[in-house]
Amino acid sequence: TLFSKIAIKEGYALISKIFEETANQEREHGGWNYKMLQTLKKEEEFEELKIKAEGPTTYGTTEENLKSAIAGEDYEWQEMYPGFADTAEKEGYPEIAKRFRAIASAEKHHSERYGKLLKLVGDDIFFKRGEKIVWICLECGYEVTMDELPEDWKCPSCSHPRAYFMKKCEDF
């Protein structure tokens, strides 16, 4: 994605991966939207369907892109998908309504996750937390414990820069 490429250029490999992961999840939502339309086409005759939707047009810094992504996700989970679900319910398609509500829940998760990342970037604490943190390299799995990763940090195992480290989190 465009946002992913900017994040990696700015030194945020984790955010880049999350933008990519979210784009893949959005692709899945689009696939289900298409399948639901095909279900409707089998039951009703129409050649064209008009859908009102909104989308951000930002192409800026990672911080700006996160703000834009949050706005887009908020619109999707607060308005767009609930509106689709309400319409489907009213028109007698409870299973489609249920699916739209489930997708809205996923969109809310996207917004919340982007919000957490925005706080870290906006507060300039993505790589410095003020306490000892276990950092893990996203490329090779090397771990190091320190409160801040220096800007010139390189993984001693695979030589990837600081951008490829994230706070270790394994609360499965």
N, C-alpha and C. Protein backbone atom coordinates (compact mmCIF):
# COMPACT_ATOMS: atom_id res chain seq x y z
N THR A 1 0.84 -1.19 0.00
CA THR A 1 0.00 0.00 0.00
C THR A 1 0.88 1.24 0.00
N LEU A 2 0.30 2.35 -0.37
CA LEU A 2 1.05 3.61 -0.36
C LEU A 2 1.48 3.97 1.05
N PHE A 3 0.57 3.84 2.01
CA PHE A 3 0.90 4.18 3.40
C PHE A 3 2.01 3.28 3.92
N SER A 4 1.99 2.03 3.56
CA SER A 4 3.01 1.07 3.98
C SER A 4 4.39 1.49 3.49
N LYS A 5 4.46 1.91 2.25
CA LYS A 5 5.75 2.32 1.67
C LYS A 5 6.30 3.56 2.38
N ILE A 6 5.43 4.49 2.72
CA ILE A 6 5.88 5.69 3.43
C ILE A 6 6.37 5.30 4.82
N ALA A 7 5.64 4.45 5.51
CA ALA A 7 6.04 4.04 6.86
C ALA A 7 7.42 3.39 6.85
N ILE A 8 7.68 2.54 5.90
CA ILE A 8 8.99 1.87 5.85
C ILE A 8 10.08 2.89 5.56
N LYS A 9 9.81 3.86 4.67
CA LYS A 9 10.80 4.90 4.37
C LYS A 9 11.10 5.75 5.59
N GLU A 10 10.09 5.94 6.44
CA GLU A 10 10.27 6.77 7.64
C GLU A 10 10.81 5.97 8.82
N GLY A 11 11.05 4.69 8.64
CA GLY A 11 11.66 3.89 9.70
C GLY A 11 10.69 3.15 10.59
N TYR A 12 9.50 2.87 10.10
CA TYR A 12 8.49 2.18 10.90
C TYR A 12 8.07 0.87 10.22
N ALA A 13 8.91 -0.14 10.29
CA ALA A 13 8.61 -1.42 9.63
C ALA A 13 7.35 -2.06 10.20
N LEU A 14 7.15 -1.97 11.51
CA LEU A 14 5.96 -2.56 12.12
C LEU A 14 4.69 -1.88 11.58
N ILE A 15 4.70 -0.57 11.53
CA ILE A 15 3.53 0.15 11.02
C ILE A 15 3.31 -0.21 9.55
N SER A 16 4.39 -0.34 8.81
CA SER A 16 4.29 -0.77 7.41
C SER A 16 3.59 -2.12 7.32
N LYS A 17 4.01 -3.06 8.16
CA LYS A 17 3.40 -4.40 8.15
C LYS A 17 1.92 -4.34 8.55
N ILE A 18 1.59 -3.46 9.49
CA ILE A 18 0.20 -3.34 9.92
C ILE A 18 -0.66 -2.71 8.82
N PHE A 19 -0.11 -1.73 8.11
CA PHE A 19 -0.85 -1.19 6.96
C PHE A 19 -1.11 -2.29 5.93
N GLU A 20 -0.11 -3.12 5.66
CA GLU A 20 -0.26 -4.22 4.69
C GLU A 20 -1.29 -5.24 5.18
N GLU A 21 -1.18 -5.61 6.45
CA GLU A 21 -2.12 -6.58 7.02
C GLU A 21 -3.55 -6.06 6.94
N THR A 22 -3.73 -4.79 7.28
CA THR A 22 -5.06 -4.19 7.24
C THR A 22 -5.59 -4.14 5.81
N ALA A 23 -4.72 -3.82 4.86
CA ALA A 23 -5.14 -3.80 3.45
C ALA A 23 -5.61 -5.19 3.02
N ASN A 24 -4.93 -6.23 3.48
CA ASN A 24 -5.36 -7.60 3.16
C ASN A 24 -6.72 -7.90 3.78
N GLN A 25 -6.94 -7.42 5.00
CA GLN A 25 -8.24 -7.62 5.64
C GLN A 25 -9.33 -6.85 4.91
N GLU A 26 -9.00 -5.64 4.45
CA GLU A 26 -9.98 -4.86 3.68
C GLU A 26 -10.31 -5.57 2.36
N ARG A 27 -9.31 -6.21 1.78
CA ARG A 27 -9.55 -6.98 0.55
C ARG A 27 -10.53 -8.11 0.83
N GLU A 28 -10.40 -8.74 1.98
CA GLU A 28 -11.33 -9.80 2.39
C GLU A 28 -12.74 -9.23 2.54
N HIS A 29 -12.85 -8.06 3.15
CA HIS A 29 -14.17 -7.42 3.28
C HIS A 29 -14.76 -7.15 1.90
N GLY A 30 -13.94 -6.65 1.00
CA GLY A 30 -14.41 -6.39 -0.36
C GLY A 30 -14.90 -7.66 -1.05
N GLY A 31 -14.20 -8.76 -0.81
CA GLY A 31 -14.62 -10.04 -1.39
C GLY A 31 -15.99 -10.45 -0.87
N TRP A 32 -16.20 -10.26 0.42
CA TRP A 32 -17.52 -10.60 0.99
C TRP A 32 -18.60 -9.66 0.48
N ASN A 33 -18.25 -8.39 0.33
CA ASN A 33 -19.24 -7.45 -0.23
C ASN A 33 -19.66 -7.92 -1.62
N TYR A 34 -18.70 -8.35 -2.42
CA TYR A 34 -19.00 -8.85 -3.76
C TYR A 34 -19.88 -10.10 -3.68
N LYS A 35 -19.55 -11.03 -2.80
CA LYS A 35 -20.35 -12.26 -2.66
C LYS A 35 -21.78 -11.94 -2.24
N MET A 36 -21.93 -10.97 -1.34
CA MET A 36 -23.28 -10.60 -0.91
C MET A 36 -24.06 -9.96 -2.05
N LEU A 37 -23.39 -9.16 -2.86
CA LEU A 37 -24.06 -8.58 -4.04
C LEU A 37 -24.51 -9.67 -5.00
N GLN A 38 -23.69 -10.69 -5.17
CA GLN A 38 -24.06 -11.79 -6.06
C GLN A 38 -25.28 -12.54 -5.52
N THR A 39 -25.37 -12.67 -4.20
CA THR A 39 -26.54 -13.28 -3.59
C THR A 39 -27.79 -12.46 -3.90
N LEU A 40 -27.67 -11.15 -3.78
CA LEU A 40 -28.80 -10.27 -4.08
C LEU A 40 -29.19 -10.35 -5.55
N LYS A 41 -28.20 -10.42 -6.42
CA LYS A 41 -28.49 -10.49 -7.87
C LYS A 41 -29.26 -11.76 -8.23
N LYS A 42 -29.04 -12.83 -7.51
CA LYS A 42 -29.77 -14.08 -7.77
C LYS A 42 -31.24 -13.94 -7.41
N GLU A 43 -31.51 -13.12 -6.40
CA GLU A 43 -32.88 -13.00 -5.91
C GLU A 43 -33.64 -11.82 -6.52
N GLU A 44 -32.92 -10.83 -6.99
CA GLU A 44 -33.56 -9.65 -7.54
C GLU A 44 -32.87 -9.29 -8.85
N GLU A 45 -33.63 -8.68 -9.73
CA GLU A 45 -33.04 -8.29 -11.00
C GLU A 45 -32.57 -6.84 -10.94
N PHE A 46 -31.29 -6.65 -11.12
CA PHE A 46 -30.73 -5.32 -11.26
C PHE A 46 -29.38 -5.44 -11.96
N GLU A 47 -29.04 -4.42 -12.67
CA GLU A 47 -27.77 -4.39 -13.39
C GLU A 47 -26.79 -3.42 -12.74
N GLU A 48 -27.33 -2.50 -11.97
CA GLU A 48 -26.49 -1.47 -11.38
C GLU A 48 -26.93 -1.24 -9.95
N LEU A 49 -25.98 -0.97 -9.10
CA LEU A 49 -26.27 -0.69 -7.70
C LEU A 49 -25.46 0.53 -7.31
N LYS A 50 -26.12 1.54 -6.80
CA LYS A 50 -25.42 2.75 -6.38
C LYS A 50 -25.20 2.70 -4.88
N ILE A 51 -23.95 2.89 -4.50
CA ILE A 51 -23.57 2.86 -3.09
C ILE A 51 -22.83 4.15 -2.78
N LYS A 52 -23.29 4.84 -1.74
CA LYS A 52 -22.61 6.05 -1.31
C LYS A 52 -21.57 5.66 -0.27
N ALA A 53 -20.34 6.04 -0.52
CA ALA A 53 -19.26 5.75 0.42
C ALA A 53 -18.25 6.89 0.37
N GLU A 54 -17.44 6.97 1.39
CA GLU A 54 -16.41 8.00 1.47
C GLU A 54 -15.06 7.34 1.67
N GLY A 55 -14.02 8.06 1.30
CA GLY A 55 -12.67 7.54 1.50
C GLY A 55 -11.67 8.67 1.58
N PRO A 56 -10.64 8.49 2.40
CA PRO A 56 -9.63 9.54 2.55
C PRO A 56 -8.75 9.65 1.31
N THR A 57 -8.18 10.83 1.11
CA THR A 57 -7.29 11.05 -0.03
C THR A 57 -5.91 11.51 0.42
N THR A 58 -5.59 11.30 1.67
CA THR A 58 -4.31 11.72 2.22
C THR A 58 -3.17 10.87 1.69
N TYR A 59 -2.05 11.51 1.47
CA TYR A 59 -0.81 10.82 1.12
C TYR A 59 0.30 11.67 1.73
N GLY A 60 0.54 11.45 3.03
CA GLY A 60 1.49 12.31 3.73
C GLY A 60 2.50 11.51 4.53
N THR A 61 2.83 12.04 5.69
CA THR A 61 3.75 11.35 6.59
C THR A 61 3.03 10.17 7.24
N THR A 62 3.77 9.33 7.91
CA THR A 62 3.14 8.20 8.60
C THR A 62 2.13 8.71 9.62
N GLU A 63 2.48 9.76 10.34
CA GLU A 63 1.54 10.31 11.32
C GLU A 63 0.27 10.80 10.63
N GLU A 64 0.41 11.54 9.54
CA GLU A 64 -0.77 12.02 8.80
C GLU A 64 -1.57 10.86 8.22
N ASN A 65 -0.87 9.86 7.72
CA ASN A 65 -1.56 8.70 7.14
C ASN A 65 -2.32 7.91 8.20
N LEU A 66 -1.75 7.80 9.40
CA LEU A 66 -2.47 7.12 10.49
C LEU A 66 -3.75 7.89 10.84
N LYS A 67 -3.65 9.21 10.91
CA LYS A 67 -4.84 10.03 11.20
C LYS A 67 -5.91 9.81 10.13
N SER A 68 -5.48 9.81 8.89
CA SER A 68 -6.40 9.60 7.78
C SER A 68 -7.02 8.20 7.83
N ALA A 69 -6.18 7.21 8.13
CA ALA A 69 -6.67 5.83 8.21
C ALA A 69 -7.69 5.69 9.33
N ILE A 70 -7.44 6.35 10.46
CA ILE A 70 -8.39 6.31 11.58
C ILE A 70 -9.72 6.91 11.14
N ALA A 71 -9.66 8.06 10.47
CA ALA A 71 -10.90 8.70 10.00
C ALA A 71 -11.67 7.78 9.07
N GLY A 72 -10.97 7.12 8.16
CA GLY A 72 -11.63 6.19 7.24
C GLY A 72 -12.23 5.00 7.95
N GLU A 73 -11.48 4.42 8.88
CA GLU A 73 -11.99 3.26 9.62
C GLU A 73 -13.17 3.66 10.50
N ASP A 74 -13.08 4.85 11.12
CA ASP A 74 -14.20 5.31 11.96
C ASP A 74 -15.47 5.47 11.13
N TYR A 75 -15.34 6.05 9.95
CA TYR A 75 -16.51 6.18 9.07
C TYR A 75 -17.08 4.80 8.75
N GLU A 76 -16.20 3.86 8.45
CA GLU A 76 -16.67 2.52 8.07
C GLU A 76 -17.39 1.82 9.22
N TRP A 77 -16.83 1.86 10.43
CA TRP A 77 -17.46 1.11 11.51
C TRP A 77 -18.61 1.86 12.19
N GLN A 78 -18.58 3.20 12.13
CA GLN A 78 -19.64 3.96 12.79
C GLN A 78 -20.82 4.27 11.88
N GLU A 79 -20.57 4.42 10.58
CA GLU A 79 -21.64 4.83 9.67
C GLU A 79 -21.89 3.87 8.52
N MET A 80 -20.86 3.62 7.72
CA MET A 80 -21.06 2.89 6.47
C MET A 80 -21.61 1.48 6.69
N TYR A 81 -20.86 0.63 7.39
CA TYR A 81 -21.33 -0.75 7.56
C TYR A 81 -22.59 -0.86 8.41
N PRO A 82 -22.75 -0.06 9.49
CA PRO A 82 -24.03 -0.12 10.19
C PRO A 82 -25.20 0.31 9.29
N GLY A 83 -24.97 1.31 8.43
CA GLY A 83 -26.01 1.72 7.49
C GLY A 83 -26.35 0.63 6.50
N PHE A 84 -25.31 -0.04 5.98
CA PHE A 84 -25.55 -1.17 5.08
C PHE A 84 -26.34 -2.26 5.81
N ALA A 85 -25.96 -2.52 7.06
CA ALA A 85 -26.63 -3.58 7.84
C ALA A 85 -28.10 -3.22 8.07
N ASP A 86 -28.36 -1.98 8.44
CA ASP A 86 -29.74 -1.56 8.68
C ASP A 86 -30.59 -1.71 7.41
N THR A 87 -30.03 -1.31 6.28
CA THR A 87 -30.75 -1.44 5.01
C THR A 87 -31.01 -2.91 4.69
N ALA A 88 -30.00 -3.74 4.85
CA ALA A 88 -30.17 -5.18 4.58
C ALA A 88 -31.24 -5.77 5.49
N GLU A 89 -31.23 -5.38 6.75
CA GLU A 89 -32.23 -5.88 7.71
C GLU A 89 -33.64 -5.47 7.26
N LYS A 90 -33.80 -4.19 6.93
CA LYS A 90 -35.10 -3.67 6.51
C LYS A 90 -35.61 -4.35 5.24
N GLU A 91 -34.68 -4.73 4.38
CA GLU A 91 -35.07 -5.33 3.10
C GLU A 91 -35.16 -6.85 3.16
N GLY A 92 -35.04 -7.40 4.38
CA GLY A 92 -35.26 -8.83 4.55
C GLY A 92 -34.04 -9.72 4.35
N TYR A 93 -32.87 -9.20 4.59
CA TYR A 93 -31.64 -9.99 4.45
C TYR A 93 -30.88 -10.02 5.77
N PRO A 94 -31.39 -10.75 6.77
CA PRO A 94 -30.77 -10.75 8.09
C PRO A 94 -29.34 -11.32 8.10
N GLU A 95 -29.04 -12.29 7.25
CA GLU A 95 -27.69 -12.86 7.23
C GLU A 95 -26.68 -11.86 6.67
N ILE A 96 -27.11 -11.11 5.67
CA ILE A 96 -26.23 -10.08 5.11
C ILE A 96 -26.03 -8.98 6.15
N ALA A 97 -27.10 -8.61 6.85
CA ALA A 97 -26.99 -7.60 7.91
C ALA A 97 -26.00 -8.06 8.98
N LYS A 98 -26.09 -9.32 9.35
CA LYS A 98 -25.19 -9.88 10.36
C LYS A 98 -23.74 -9.79 9.89
N ARG A 99 -23.50 -10.10 8.63
CA ARG A 99 -22.14 -10.03 8.06
C ARG A 99 -21.63 -8.59 8.08
N PHE A 100 -22.47 -7.63 7.68
CA PHE A 100 -22.05 -6.23 7.70
C PHE A 100 -21.69 -5.78 9.11
N ARG A 101 -22.46 -6.21 10.09
CA ARG A 101 -22.16 -5.83 11.47
C ARG A 101 -20.83 -6.44 11.94
N ALA A 102 -20.56 -7.65 11.50
CA ALA A 102 -19.29 -8.30 11.85
C ALA A 102 -18.12 -7.56 11.20
N ILE A 103 -18.29 -7.14 9.96
CA ILE A 103 -17.24 -6.38 9.29
C ILE A 103 -17.02 -5.05 10.01
N ALA A 104 -18.11 -4.41 10.45
CA ALA A 104 -17.99 -3.16 11.20
C ALA A 104 -17.14 -3.35 12.45
N SER A 105 -17.29 -4.48 13.10
CA SER A 105 -16.49 -4.79 14.29
C SER A 105 -15.00 -4.86 13.95
N ALA A 106 -14.69 -5.46 12.81
CA ALA A 106 -13.29 -5.52 12.37
C ALA A 106 -12.76 -4.13 12.07
N GLU A 107 -13.60 -3.28 11.47
CA GLU A 107 -13.17 -1.92 11.15
C GLU A 107 -12.89 -1.13 12.43
N LYS A 108 -13.67 -1.39 13.47
CA LYS A 108 -13.42 -0.73 14.76
C LYS A 108 -12.05 -1.14 15.29
N HIS A 109 -11.72 -2.42 15.19
CA HIS A 109 -10.41 -2.90 15.62
C HIS A 109 -9.30 -2.19 14.84
N HIS A 110 -9.48 -2.03 13.54
CA HIS A 110 -8.48 -1.33 12.73
C HIS A 110 -8.26 0.08 13.28
N SER A 111 -9.34 0.79 13.55
CA SER A 111 -9.25 2.15 14.06
C SER A 111 -8.51 2.20 15.39
N GLU A 112 -8.87 1.28 16.29
CA GLU A 112 -8.24 1.27 17.61
C GLU A 112 -6.74 0.99 17.51
N ARG A 113 -6.37 0.07 16.65
CA ARG A 113 -4.95 -0.28 16.49
C ARG A 113 -4.19 0.90 15.89
N TYR A 114 -4.76 1.53 14.88
CA TYR A 114 -4.11 2.71 14.32
C TYR A 114 -3.99 3.82 15.36
N GLY A 115 -4.99 3.96 16.22
CA GLY A 115 -4.93 4.97 17.28
C GLY A 115 -3.77 4.75 18.23
N LYS A 116 -3.52 3.50 18.59
CA LYS A 116 -2.38 3.19 19.46
C LYS A 116 -1.07 3.53 18.78
N LEU A 117 -0.96 3.20 17.50
CA LEU A 117 0.26 3.51 16.75
C LEU A 117 0.45 5.02 16.61
N LEU A 118 -0.65 5.74 16.36
CA LEU A 118 -0.58 7.19 16.22
C LEU A 118 -0.06 7.83 17.50
N LYS A 119 -0.51 7.35 18.65
CA LYS A 119 -0.04 7.90 19.92
C LYS A 119 1.46 7.70 20.07
N LEU A 120 1.95 6.51 19.73
CA LEU A 120 3.38 6.24 19.83
C LEU A 120 4.20 7.13 18.89
N VAL A 121 3.72 7.31 17.67
CA VAL A 121 4.43 8.14 16.69
C VAL A 121 4.30 9.61 17.09
N GLY A 122 3.09 10.05 17.40
CA GLY A 122 2.85 11.45 17.73
C GLY A 122 3.59 11.91 18.97
N ASP A 123 3.70 11.02 19.96
CA ASP A 123 4.42 11.35 21.19
C ASP A 123 5.92 11.07 21.08
N ASP A 124 6.36 10.63 19.92
CA ASP A 124 7.76 10.28 19.65
C ASP A 124 8.29 9.27 20.67
N ILE A 125 7.47 8.25 20.94
CA ILE A 125 7.90 7.20 21.88
C ILE A 125 7.84 5.82 21.24
N PHE A 126 7.81 5.78 19.91
CA PHE A 126 7.75 4.49 19.23
C PHE A 126 8.96 3.63 19.57
N PHE A 127 10.14 4.25 19.65
CA PHE A 127 11.38 3.52 19.93
C PHE A 127 11.98 3.87 21.29
N LYS A 128 11.28 4.64 22.11
CA LYS A 128 11.77 4.97 23.45
C LYS A 128 10.58 5.07 24.38
N ARG A 129 10.59 4.24 25.40
CA ARG A 129 9.42 4.15 26.28
C ARG A 129 9.68 4.64 27.70
N GLY A 130 10.91 4.97 28.04
CA GLY A 130 11.20 5.45 29.39
C GLY A 130 11.29 4.33 30.42
N GLU A 131 11.29 3.10 29.97
CA GLU A 131 11.45 1.94 30.85
C GLU A 131 12.10 0.84 30.04
N LYS A 132 12.65 -0.13 30.73
CA LYS A 132 13.28 -1.25 30.03
C LYS A 132 12.22 -2.03 29.26
N ILE A 133 12.50 -2.24 27.99
CA ILE A 133 11.59 -2.94 27.09
C ILE A 133 12.38 -4.05 26.39
N VAL A 134 11.73 -5.17 26.15
CA VAL A 134 12.33 -6.19 25.30
C VAL A 134 11.90 -5.87 23.87
N TRP A 135 12.89 -5.57 23.04
CA TRP A 135 12.67 -5.26 21.63
C TRP A 135 13.03 -6.49 20.82
N ILE A 136 12.24 -6.78 19.79
CA ILE A 136 12.50 -7.94 18.94
C ILE A 136 12.61 -7.51 17.48
N CYS A 137 13.59 -8.08 16.80
CA CYS A 137 13.78 -7.79 15.38
C CYS A 137 12.72 -8.53 14.58
N LEU A 138 12.01 -7.80 13.75
CA LEU A 138 10.96 -8.40 12.92
C LEU A 138 11.51 -9.29 11.83
N GLU A 139 12.79 -9.16 11.52
CA GLU A 139 13.38 -9.95 10.45
C GLU A 139 13.98 -11.26 10.93
N CYS A 140 14.69 -11.23 12.06
CA CYS A 140 15.40 -12.45 12.47
C CYS A 140 15.02 -12.96 13.86
N GLY A 141 14.31 -12.16 14.65
CA GLY A 141 13.89 -12.60 15.97
C GLY A 141 14.86 -12.27 17.09
N TYR A 142 15.97 -11.59 16.81
CA TYR A 142 16.92 -11.20 17.84
C TYR A 142 16.22 -10.32 18.87
N GLU A 143 16.53 -10.52 20.14
CA GLU A 143 15.93 -9.73 21.22
C GLU A 143 16.99 -8.95 21.97
N VAL A 144 16.63 -7.75 22.38
CA VAL A 144 17.51 -6.91 23.19
C VAL A 144 16.62 -6.16 24.18
N THR A 145 17.14 -5.93 25.40
CA THR A 145 16.39 -5.21 26.42
C THR A 145 17.06 -3.87 26.68
N MET A 146 16.33 -2.80 26.45
CA MET A 146 16.79 -1.44 26.74
C MET A 146 15.59 -0.52 26.70
N ASP A 147 15.75 0.69 27.25
CA ASP A 147 14.61 1.60 27.28
C ASP A 147 14.44 2.37 25.97
N GLU A 148 15.52 2.52 25.22
CA GLU A 148 15.43 3.25 23.95
C GLU A 148 16.39 2.64 22.95
N LEU A 149 15.91 2.45 21.74
CA LEU A 149 16.79 1.99 20.66
C LEU A 149 17.40 3.22 20.00
N PRO A 150 18.72 3.34 19.98
CA PRO A 150 19.35 4.50 19.34
C PRO A 150 18.98 4.58 17.85
N GLU A 151 18.98 5.80 17.32
CA GLU A 151 18.62 5.98 15.91
C GLU A 151 19.51 5.18 14.97
N ASP A 152 20.78 5.03 15.33
CA ASP A 152 21.71 4.31 14.46
C ASP A 152 21.79 2.81 14.79
N TRP A 153 20.84 2.31 15.58
CA TRP A 153 20.84 0.91 16.00
C TRP A 153 20.77 -0.02 14.80
N LYS A 154 21.60 -1.05 14.83
CA LYS A 154 21.57 -2.12 13.83
C LYS A 154 21.46 -3.44 14.59
N CYS A 155 20.68 -4.34 14.08
CA CYS A 155 20.55 -5.65 14.69
C CYS A 155 21.90 -6.37 14.63
N PRO A 156 22.42 -6.82 15.78
CA PRO A 156 23.70 -7.52 15.75
C PRO A 156 23.62 -8.88 15.05
N SER A 157 22.42 -9.40 14.88
CA SER A 157 22.24 -10.69 14.24
C SER A 157 22.12 -10.60 12.72
N CYS A 158 21.32 -9.63 12.23
CA CYS A 158 21.05 -9.58 10.78
C CYS A 158 21.32 -8.22 10.15
N SER A 159 21.75 -7.26 10.95
CA SER A 159 22.13 -5.91 10.48
C SER A 159 20.96 -5.04 10.02
N HIS A 160 19.71 -5.44 10.27
CA HIS A 160 18.59 -4.57 9.92
C HIS A 160 18.57 -3.37 10.89
N PRO A 161 18.14 -2.20 10.40
CA PRO A 161 18.13 -1.00 11.24
C PRO A 161 17.00 -1.02 12.28
N ARG A 162 17.06 -0.03 13.13
CA ARG A 162 16.08 0.14 14.22
C ARG A 162 14.64 0.02 13.74
N ALA A 163 14.37 0.44 12.53
CA ALA A 163 13.01 0.41 11.98
C ALA A 163 12.39 -0.98 12.06
N TYR A 164 13.20 -2.01 12.09
CA TYR A 164 12.69 -3.39 12.07
C TYR A 164 12.49 -3.98 13.46
N PHE A 165 12.58 -3.16 14.49
CA PHE A 165 12.37 -3.64 15.85
C PHE A 165 11.02 -3.18 16.37
N MET A 166 10.41 -4.03 17.17
CA MET A 166 9.16 -3.68 17.84
C MET A 166 9.22 -4.17 19.27
N LYS A 167 8.38 -3.62 20.10
CA LYS A 167 8.25 -4.09 21.47
C LYS A 167 7.75 -5.52 21.43
N LYS A 168 8.43 -6.40 22.15
CA LYS A 168 8.02 -7.80 22.19
C LYS A 168 6.70 -7.90 22.95
N CYS A 169 5.75 -8.56 22.35
CA CYS A 169 4.44 -8.72 22.96
C CYS A 169 3.92 -10.09 22.58
N GLU A 170 3.86 -10.96 23.55
CA GLU A 170 3.41 -12.32 23.26
C GLU A 170 2.35 -12.77 24.27
N ASP A 171 1.37 -11.93 24.46
CA ASP A 171 0.25 -12.28 25.34
C ASP A 171 -0.78 -13.06 24.54
N PHE A 172 -0.46 -14.33 24.30
CA PHE A 172 -1.37 -15.16 23.53
C PHE A 172 -2.46 -15.65 24.42
